[in-house]
């Protein structure tokens, strides 16, 4: 026989099978591209994204992306934030100093001293205007405890004649300070001047009680951290 080229059937078999499958099975629009390509010849890298496993898509989305190096803009933002933090710290420190000075300044010391004087005045002036003729010595001892200076010395050295006058008066006095105000204050000398209104109830051994209101001026002196009465002057005001 003459030399006739015979087609290589085994080499063409995969293509024929592919054509047969395409002819016998209807293709949907989504499968058109796949139907035109032999599965055996399809490159895995060129697979249609529509047929990609959803799980693979989620993993791809969750995969970390590369972070670009800091640009000049990011370094500028970082520097600005650092500057703002430093300014905030400085402001906090200055505010703390101002607060401390406000709480420990001279005006605060004077206010606290005035409060202490007024508190002591209410107690001491009430004591100095309260006395029971039946217990003169005990009453004078209480007077001495709230006084200082020459006033204190005069109470301690009270003569028997003075005590006798009190006893013979046969009167019990009880006082309460209605109001008081500091008119002057000298922290360096530890002295203050106070005016006060005192209500004194006098109850005699026989008869009815009488209520008097006295206005007094008292000098207070600081002794071992406690304000004491060093001088007392008053004007008796008879209530009508």
Protein backbone atom coordinates (compact mmCIF):
# COMPACT_ATOMS: atom_id res chain seq x y z
CA UNK A 1 0.00 0.00 0.00
CA UNK A 2 0.97 3.60 -0.53
CA UNK A 3 2.18 5.72 2.26
CA UNK A 4 -1.02 7.31 3.70
CA UNK A 5 -0.94 9.27 6.89
CA UNK A 6 -3.31 7.73 9.47
CA UNK A 7 -4.70 10.14 12.08
CA UNK A 8 -3.57 9.51 15.60
CA UNK A 9 -6.89 8.52 17.26
CA UNK A 10 -5.55 8.23 20.76
CA UNK A 11 -4.23 11.80 20.59
CA UNK A 12 -7.63 13.18 19.42
CA UNK A 13 -9.84 11.15 21.82
CA UNK A 14 -10.02 13.73 24.65
CA UNK A 15 -11.20 16.44 22.24
CA UNK A 16 -13.89 14.20 20.74
CA UNK A 17 -15.18 13.27 24.21
CA UNK A 18 -15.34 16.91 25.10
CA UNK A 19 -17.40 17.70 22.02
CA UNK A 20 -19.77 14.82 22.77
CA UNK A 21 -20.43 16.02 26.29
CA UNK A 22 -21.10 19.52 25.06
CA UNK A 23 -23.55 18.25 22.44
CA UNK A 24 -25.51 15.99 24.78
CA UNK A 25 -25.78 18.29 27.84
CA UNK A 26 -27.50 21.67 27.65
CA UNK A 27 -25.39 24.44 29.03
CA UNK A 28 -26.62 27.29 31.19
CA UNK A 29 -25.32 30.82 30.63
CA UNK A 30 -23.16 30.50 33.70
CA UNK A 31 -21.58 27.34 32.36
CA UNK A 32 -20.93 28.58 28.82
CA UNK A 33 -17.34 29.47 29.43
CA UNK A 34 -16.65 26.19 31.21
CA UNK A 35 -18.40 24.12 28.54
CA UNK A 36 -16.15 25.55 25.84
CA UNK A 37 -13.06 24.43 27.67
CA UNK A 38 -11.91 20.94 28.21
CA UNK A 39 -11.77 20.25 31.98
CA UNK A 40 -8.62 18.33 31.49
CA UNK A 41 -7.06 21.34 29.77
CA UNK A 42 -8.33 24.02 32.13
CA UNK A 43 -5.65 25.82 34.11
CA UNK A 44 -6.55 25.81 37.84
CA UNK A 45 -5.35 29.40 38.07
CA UNK A 46 -7.94 30.45 35.44
CA UNK A 47 -10.97 28.90 37.18
CA UNK A 48 -14.12 31.10 37.11
CA UNK A 49 -14.47 33.05 40.40
CA UNK A 50 -18.18 32.22 40.40
CA UNK A 51 -17.33 28.59 41.26
CA UNK A 52 -14.89 29.46 44.02
CA UNK A 53 -15.73 27.97 47.43
CA UNK A 54 -17.35 30.67 49.70
CA UNK A 55 -15.16 29.47 52.56
CA UNK A 56 -12.11 30.27 50.46
CA UNK A 57 -13.46 33.80 49.86
CA UNK A 58 -13.98 34.40 53.58
CA UNK A 59 -10.46 33.21 54.31
CA UNK A 60 -9.10 35.47 51.64
CA UNK A 61 -11.00 38.45 53.07
CA UNK A 62 -9.78 37.68 56.58
CA UNK A 63 -6.18 37.28 55.54
CA UNK A 64 -4.00 40.11 56.84
CA UNK A 65 -2.86 42.60 54.31
CA UNK A 66 0.58 44.00 54.18
CA UNK A 67 1.02 47.28 56.05
CA UNK A 68 2.80 49.96 54.21
CA UNK A 69 5.69 51.65 55.98
CA UNK A 70 4.87 54.88 57.87
CA UNK A 71 4.70 57.81 55.55
CA UNK A 72 5.81 61.34 56.40
CA UNK A 73 2.17 62.22 57.17
CA UNK A 74 1.79 59.48 59.77
CA UNK A 75 5.02 60.53 61.47
CA UNK A 76 3.72 64.11 61.63
CA UNK A 77 0.46 62.95 63.25
CA UNK A 78 2.41 60.92 65.81
CA UNK A 79 4.57 63.93 66.66
CA UNK A 80 1.50 66.17 67.07
CA UNK A 81 -0.19 63.65 69.39
CA UNK A 82 2.97 63.41 71.50
CA UNK A 83 3.04 67.20 71.77
CA UNK A 84 -0.60 67.34 72.87
CA UNK A 85 0.02 64.75 75.58
CA UNK A 86 2.99 66.76 76.88
CA UNK A 87 0.89 69.95 76.95
CA UNK A 88 -1.87 68.15 78.87
CA UNK A 89 0.62 66.99 81.49
CA UNK A 90 1.99 70.52 81.89
CA UNK A 91 -1.52 71.94 82.23
CA UNK A 92 -2.38 69.36 84.91
CA UNK A 93 0.75 70.23 86.86
CA UNK A 94 0.02 73.96 86.73
CA UNK A 95 -3.59 73.39 87.78
CA UNK A 96 -2.40 71.37 90.76
CA UNK A 97 -0.09 74.19 91.88
CA UNK A 98 -2.87 76.77 91.53
CA UNK A 99 -5.26 74.56 93.51
CA UNK A 100 -2.68 74.04 96.26
CA UNK A 101 -1.98 77.76 96.54
CA UNK A 102 -5.70 78.53 96.64
CA UNK A 103 -6.16 76.10 99.53
CA UNK A 104 -3.07 77.24 101.42
CA UNK A 105 -2.98 80.96 100.68
CA UNK A 106 -3.24 83.82 103.15
CA UNK A 107 -6.94 84.39 102.52
CA UNK A 108 -7.69 80.75 103.35
CA UNK A 109 -5.69 80.98 106.60
CA UNK A 110 -7.58 84.11 107.64
CA UNK A 111 -10.94 82.53 106.85
CA UNK A 112 -10.11 79.47 108.95
CA UNK A 113 -8.85 81.69 111.80
CA UNK A 114 -12.06 83.75 111.78
CA UNK A 115 -14.14 80.59 111.92
CA UNK A 116 -12.09 79.33 114.86
CA UNK A 117 -12.45 82.66 116.71
CA UNK A 118 -16.20 82.76 116.23
CA UNK A 119 -16.63 79.18 117.38
CA UNK A 120 -14.64 79.83 120.54
CA UNK A 121 -16.40 83.14 121.22
CA UNK A 122 -19.79 81.46 121.28
CA UNK A 123 -18.55 79.03 123.90
CA UNK A 124 -16.40 81.36 126.03
CA UNK A 125 -18.73 84.34 126.25
CA UNK A 126 -21.62 82.08 127.20
CA UNK A 127 -19.43 80.62 129.97
CA UNK A 128 -18.36 84.05 131.27
CA UNK A 129 -21.98 85.13 131.66
CA UNK A 130 -23.21 81.97 133.37
CA UNK A 131 -22.88 81.63 137.17
CA UNK A 132 -24.71 79.95 140.02
CA UNK A 133 -24.52 81.72 143.40
CA UNK A 134 -24.71 78.31 145.10
CA UNK A 135 -21.42 77.18 143.46
CA UNK A 136 -19.31 80.31 143.14
CA UNK A 137 -15.90 78.63 143.18
CA UNK A 138 -16.85 76.13 140.47
CA UNK A 139 -18.26 78.94 138.35
CA UNK A 140 -15.12 81.08 138.71
CA UNK A 141 -12.96 78.07 137.81
CA UNK A 142 -14.86 77.75 134.53
CA UNK A 143 -14.32 81.47 133.91
CA UNK A 144 -10.59 81.09 134.48
CA UNK A 145 -10.41 78.19 132.02
CA UNK A 146 -11.62 80.31 129.08
CA UNK A 147 -9.63 83.47 129.78
CA UNK A 148 -6.04 84.62 129.58
CA UNK A 149 -3.89 87.61 130.50
CA UNK A 150 -4.99 90.16 133.07
CA UNK A 151 -8.62 89.03 132.89
CA UNK A 152 -7.60 85.51 133.81
CA UNK A 153 -5.42 86.77 136.66
CA UNK A 154 -8.26 88.86 138.08
CA UNK A 155 -10.61 85.87 138.13
CA UNK A 156 -8.07 83.56 139.74
CA UNK A 157 -7.26 86.16 142.38
CA UNK A 158 -10.89 86.93 143.18
CA UNK A 159 -11.10 88.02 146.78
CA UNK A 160 -13.38 86.61 149.42
CA UNK A 161 -15.30 89.91 149.37
CA UNK A 162 -16.07 89.50 145.66
CA UNK A 163 -17.29 85.97 146.18
CA UNK A 164 -19.44 87.16 149.06
CA UNK A 165 -21.15 89.73 146.86
CA UNK A 166 -22.02 87.04 144.31
CA UNK A 167 -23.36 84.74 146.99
CA UNK A 168 -25.53 87.43 148.57
CA UNK A 169 -27.07 88.28 145.19
CA UNK A 170 -28.72 84.84 145.27
CA UNK A 171 -29.11 84.79 141.51
CA UNK A 172 -28.48 82.18 138.84
CA UNK A 173 -27.48 83.47 135.43
CA UNK A 174 -27.46 81.48 132.19
CA UNK A 175 -26.28 82.95 128.90
CA UNK A 176 -26.33 82.15 125.19
CA UNK A 177 -24.56 84.03 122.40
CA UNK A 178 -27.07 85.13 119.77
CA UNK A 179 -24.66 86.54 117.22
CA UNK A 180 -21.00 87.47 116.87
CA UNK A 181 -18.64 88.96 114.30
CA UNK A 182 -14.90 89.40 114.02
CA UNK A 183 -14.08 93.10 113.57
CA UNK A 184 -10.29 92.74 113.38
CA UNK A 185 -7.79 89.92 113.05
CA UNK A 186 -4.00 89.91 113.35
CA UNK A 187 -2.55 86.48 112.75
CA UNK A 188 1.03 87.62 113.35
CA UNK A 189 0.19 88.84 116.84
CA UNK A 190 -2.40 86.13 117.41
CA UNK A 191 -5.17 88.54 118.40
CA UNK A 192 -8.70 89.33 117.28
CA UNK A 193 -11.49 91.70 118.27
CA UNK A 194 -15.07 90.48 118.37
CA UNK A 195 -18.45 92.05 119.00
CA UNK A 196 -21.26 89.82 120.19
CA UNK A 197 -24.86 89.91 121.29
CA UNK A 198 -25.55 87.82 124.40
CA UNK A 199 -28.87 86.90 125.94
CA UNK A 200 -28.67 86.40 129.70
CA UNK A 201 -31.47 84.92 131.73
CA UNK A 202 -31.29 85.92 135.42
CA UNK A 203 -33.27 83.82 137.82
CA UNK A 204 -33.32 85.14 141.42
CA UNK A 205 -33.83 82.91 144.41
CA UNK A 206 -37.27 84.47 144.82
CA UNK A 207 -39.30 86.16 142.13
CA UNK A 208 -39.53 85.89 138.34
CA UNK A 209 -36.71 85.45 135.84
CA UNK A 210 -35.47 88.45 133.91
CA UNK A 211 -34.04 88.27 130.38
CA UNK A 212 -31.31 90.74 129.46
CA UNK A 213 -29.54 91.22 126.18
CA UNK A 214 -25.99 92.46 126.39
CA UNK A 215 -23.76 93.70 123.63
CA UNK A 216 -20.11 93.12 124.39
CA UNK A 217 -16.72 93.71 122.81
CA UNK A 218 -14.15 91.02 123.49
CA UNK A 219 -10.47 90.72 122.71
CA UNK A 220 -9.37 87.20 121.84
CA UNK A 221 -5.77 86.00 122.13
CA UNK A 222 -4.28 82.84 120.67
CA UNK A 223 -2.78 80.69 123.44
CA UNK A 224 -1.20 77.34 122.47
CA UNK A 225 -3.40 77.14 119.39
CA UNK A 226 -6.64 78.00 121.24
CA UNK A 227 -8.41 81.37 121.25
CA UNK A 228 -9.06 82.71 124.76
CA UNK A 229 -10.74 85.88 126.05
CA UNK A 230 -8.15 88.40 127.22
CA UNK A 231 -10.44 91.40 127.65
CA UNK A 232 -14.18 91.89 127.94
CA UNK A 233 -16.26 95.04 127.96
CA UNK A 234 -20.01 95.17 127.70
CA UNK A 235 -23.08 97.37 127.81
CA UNK A 236 -26.20 95.96 129.43
CA UNK A 237 -29.32 96.33 127.29
CA UNK A 238 -32.53 95.89 129.22
CA UNK A 239 -35.34 94.31 127.24
CA UNK A 240 -38.70 96.04 127.58
